[in-house]
Amino acid sequence: MIALDVRGLPPPEPFEQIMLALETLIKDDVLRVLIHREPYPLYEMLRESGYRHQTTALPDGNFSIEIGRAS
């Protein structure tokens, strides 16, 4: 699992860093992103690009998103 913390970064830095990290994933890798808001535009891009994701709202108000390649 690859961890990426983009909490508090101004747009578009979180999106850009997530996209760069996705380029490094190999077949069964998972990218775990910590972010301070739910990135709705990212979800559509992930679907269109062949990725699956699972978002979890954290008690502190942040979000954890696990991203991997769709089967």
N, C-alpha and C. Protein backbone atom coordinates (compact mmCIF):
# COMPACT_ATOMS: atom_id res chain seq x y z
N MET A 1 0.84 -1.17 0.00
CA MET A 1 0.00 0.00 0.00
C MET A 1 0.89 1.24 0.00
N ILE A 2 0.51 2.19 -0.81
CA ILE A 2 1.22 3.47 -0.89
C ILE A 2 0.35 4.51 -0.19
N ALA A 3 0.94 5.29 0.70
CA ALA A 3 0.20 6.31 1.44
C ALA A 3 0.54 7.69 0.90
N LEU A 4 -0.50 8.53 0.79
CA LEU A 4 -0.33 9.90 0.31
C LEU A 4 -1.21 10.80 1.15
N ASP A 5 -0.62 11.79 1.79
CA ASP A 5 -1.35 12.74 2.63
C ASP A 5 -1.39 14.08 1.93
N VAL A 6 -2.58 14.48 1.46
CA VAL A 6 -2.73 15.76 0.77
C VAL A 6 -3.63 16.71 1.56
N ARG A 7 -3.82 16.42 2.83
CA ARG A 7 -4.67 17.28 3.66
C ARG A 7 -4.10 18.69 3.73
N GLY A 8 -4.99 19.66 3.56
CA GLY A 8 -4.62 21.06 3.70
C GLY A 8 -3.98 21.70 2.48
N LEU A 9 -3.70 20.92 1.45
CA LEU A 9 -3.10 21.50 0.24
C LEU A 9 -4.18 22.23 -0.56
N PRO A 10 -3.84 23.38 -1.16
CA PRO A 10 -4.82 24.10 -1.96
C PRO A 10 -5.02 23.44 -3.33
N PRO A 11 -6.22 23.56 -3.90
CA PRO A 11 -6.46 23.03 -5.24
C PRO A 11 -5.53 23.73 -6.24
N PRO A 12 -5.07 23.06 -7.23
CA PRO A 12 -5.35 21.68 -7.63
C PRO A 12 -4.29 20.68 -7.13
N GLU A 13 -3.47 21.08 -6.15
CA GLU A 13 -2.38 20.21 -5.70
C GLU A 13 -2.80 18.81 -5.28
N PRO A 14 -3.89 18.64 -4.49
CA PRO A 14 -4.26 17.27 -4.13
C PRO A 14 -4.53 16.40 -5.36
N PHE A 15 -5.29 16.93 -6.31
CA PHE A 15 -5.61 16.18 -7.52
C PHE A 15 -4.34 15.84 -8.28
N GLU A 16 -3.46 16.81 -8.44
CA GLU A 16 -2.21 16.58 -9.19
C GLU A 16 -1.34 15.53 -8.51
N GLN A 17 -1.22 15.59 -7.19
CA GLN A 17 -0.40 14.61 -6.49
C GLN A 17 -1.00 13.22 -6.55
N ILE A 18 -2.32 13.13 -6.48
CA ILE A 18 -2.99 11.83 -6.60
C ILE A 18 -2.74 11.25 -7.99
N MET A 19 -2.87 12.07 -9.02
CA MET A 19 -2.65 11.58 -10.38
C MET A 19 -1.22 11.08 -10.58
N LEU A 20 -0.25 11.80 -10.04
CA LEU A 20 1.16 11.36 -10.14
C LEU A 20 1.37 10.04 -9.40
N ALA A 21 0.77 9.91 -8.23
CA ALA A 21 0.91 8.67 -7.45
C ALA A 21 0.27 7.49 -8.17
N LEU A 22 -0.85 7.72 -8.83
CA LEU A 22 -1.52 6.63 -9.56
C LEU A 22 -0.65 6.08 -10.67
N GLU A 23 0.17 6.93 -11.26
CA GLU A 23 1.07 6.48 -12.33
C GLU A 23 2.10 5.47 -11.83
N THR A 24 2.36 5.45 -10.54
CA THR A 24 3.37 4.55 -9.99
C THR A 24 2.79 3.20 -9.56
N LEU A 25 1.45 3.08 -9.54
CA LEU A 25 0.84 1.82 -9.10
C LEU A 25 1.12 0.70 -10.07
N ILE A 26 1.43 -0.46 -9.52
CA ILE A 26 1.50 -1.65 -10.35
C ILE A 26 0.22 -2.45 -10.09
N LYS A 27 0.08 -3.56 -10.72
CA LYS A 27 -1.17 -4.32 -10.80
C LYS A 27 -2.02 -4.35 -9.53
N ASP A 28 -1.49 -4.84 -8.43
CA ASP A 28 -2.30 -5.03 -7.23
C ASP A 28 -2.05 -3.98 -6.14
N ASP A 29 -1.29 -2.94 -6.46
CA ASP A 29 -1.04 -1.88 -5.48
C ASP A 29 -2.32 -1.13 -5.14
N VAL A 30 -2.33 -0.56 -3.95
CA VAL A 30 -3.43 0.30 -3.51
C VAL A 30 -2.83 1.61 -3.03
N LEU A 31 -3.43 2.71 -3.45
CA LEU A 31 -3.04 4.03 -3.00
C LEU A 31 -4.02 4.48 -1.94
N ARG A 32 -3.51 4.80 -0.76
CA ARG A 32 -4.37 5.30 0.33
C ARG A 32 -4.11 6.79 0.46
N VAL A 33 -5.16 7.58 0.19
CA VAL A 33 -5.06 9.03 0.22
C VAL A 33 -5.79 9.56 1.45
N LEU A 34 -5.12 10.44 2.18
CA LEU A 34 -5.77 11.19 3.25
C LEU A 34 -6.00 12.60 2.72
N ILE A 35 -7.24 13.07 2.80
CA ILE A 35 -7.60 14.37 2.23
C ILE A 35 -8.62 15.04 3.14
N HIS A 36 -8.63 16.36 3.13
CA HIS A 36 -9.46 17.13 4.05
C HIS A 36 -10.89 17.38 3.54
N ARG A 37 -11.17 17.03 2.32
CA ARG A 37 -12.55 17.15 1.80
C ARG A 37 -12.77 16.04 0.78
N GLU A 38 -14.03 15.74 0.53
CA GLU A 38 -14.33 14.67 -0.42
C GLU A 38 -14.16 15.19 -1.84
N PRO A 39 -13.29 14.57 -2.63
CA PRO A 39 -12.95 15.06 -3.97
C PRO A 39 -13.86 14.49 -5.06
N TYR A 40 -15.07 14.98 -5.13
CA TYR A 40 -16.04 14.43 -6.08
C TYR A 40 -15.54 14.40 -7.53
N PRO A 41 -14.86 15.44 -8.04
CA PRO A 41 -14.38 15.35 -9.43
C PRO A 41 -13.40 14.19 -9.66
N LEU A 42 -12.66 13.83 -8.62
CA LEU A 42 -11.71 12.72 -8.74
C LEU A 42 -12.42 11.41 -9.01
N TYR A 43 -13.58 11.20 -8.40
CA TYR A 43 -14.28 9.93 -8.53
C TYR A 43 -14.64 9.61 -9.98
N GLU A 44 -15.12 10.60 -10.70
CA GLU A 44 -15.48 10.38 -12.11
C GLU A 44 -14.24 10.05 -12.93
N MET A 45 -13.15 10.78 -12.69
CA MET A 45 -11.92 10.52 -13.41
C MET A 45 -11.42 9.10 -13.14
N LEU A 46 -11.53 8.66 -11.88
CA LEU A 46 -11.10 7.30 -11.53
C LEU A 46 -11.91 6.26 -12.29
N ARG A 47 -13.22 6.42 -12.31
CA ARG A 47 -14.08 5.47 -13.04
C ARG A 47 -13.71 5.42 -14.51
N GLU A 48 -13.55 6.59 -15.11
CA GLU A 48 -13.24 6.67 -16.54
C GLU A 48 -11.87 6.09 -16.87
N SER A 49 -10.97 6.10 -15.90
CA SER A 49 -9.60 5.64 -16.13
C SER A 49 -9.35 4.20 -15.68
N GLY A 50 -10.40 3.51 -15.22
CA GLY A 50 -10.24 2.11 -14.86
C GLY A 50 -9.77 1.85 -13.45
N TYR A 51 -10.09 2.76 -12.53
CA TYR A 51 -9.74 2.58 -11.13
C TYR A 51 -11.01 2.38 -10.29
N ARG A 52 -10.85 1.67 -9.20
CA ARG A 52 -11.93 1.54 -8.22
C ARG A 52 -11.50 2.32 -6.99
N HIS A 53 -12.48 2.74 -6.19
CA HIS A 53 -12.12 3.49 -4.98
C HIS A 53 -13.12 3.20 -3.87
N GLN A 54 -12.66 3.35 -2.65
CA GLN A 54 -13.49 3.21 -1.46
C GLN A 54 -13.15 4.40 -0.57
N THR A 55 -14.18 5.19 -0.24
CA THR A 55 -13.98 6.38 0.59
C THR A 55 -14.55 6.14 1.97
N THR A 56 -13.79 6.53 2.99
CA THR A 56 -14.23 6.42 4.37
C THR A 56 -14.11 7.79 5.02
N ALA A 57 -15.23 8.26 5.60
CA ALA A 57 -15.20 9.50 6.38
C ALA A 57 -14.57 9.19 7.73
N LEU A 58 -13.58 9.97 8.11
CA LEU A 58 -12.88 9.76 9.37
C LEU A 58 -13.50 10.62 10.48
N PRO A 59 -13.38 10.21 11.72
CA PRO A 59 -13.98 10.95 12.83
C PRO A 59 -13.52 12.41 12.94
N ASP A 60 -12.31 12.69 12.45
CA ASP A 60 -11.78 14.06 12.55
C ASP A 60 -12.24 14.97 11.41
N GLY A 61 -13.13 14.46 10.53
CA GLY A 61 -13.64 15.27 9.43
C GLY A 61 -12.87 15.10 8.14
N ASN A 62 -11.76 14.39 8.16
CA ASN A 62 -11.00 14.10 6.94
C ASN A 62 -11.57 12.86 6.27
N PHE A 63 -10.99 12.52 5.12
CA PHE A 63 -11.43 11.34 4.37
C PHE A 63 -10.22 10.49 4.03
N SER A 64 -10.44 9.18 4.03
CA SER A 64 -9.45 8.21 3.57
C SER A 64 -10.02 7.55 2.32
N ILE A 65 -9.23 7.58 1.25
CA ILE A 65 -9.68 6.99 -0.01
C ILE A 65 -8.66 5.94 -0.44
N GLU A 66 -9.13 4.72 -0.60
CA GLU A 66 -8.27 3.65 -1.11
C GLU A 66 -8.58 3.45 -2.58
N ILE A 67 -7.54 3.54 -3.40
CA ILE A 67 -7.69 3.48 -4.86
C ILE A 67 -6.83 2.36 -5.40
N GLY A 68 -7.42 1.57 -6.29
CA GLY A 68 -6.69 0.50 -6.96
C GLY A 68 -7.20 0.33 -8.37
N ARG A 69 -6.52 -0.45 -9.13
CA ARG A 69 -6.98 -0.72 -10.51
C ARG A 69 -8.21 -1.62 -10.46
N ALA A 70 -9.17 -1.31 -11.30
CA ALA A 70 -10.38 -2.14 -11.39
C ALA A 70 -9.99 -3.50 -11.98
N SER A 71 -10.66 -4.53 -11.56
CA SER A 71 -10.35 -5.89 -12.04
C SER A 71 -10.79 -6.09 -13.46
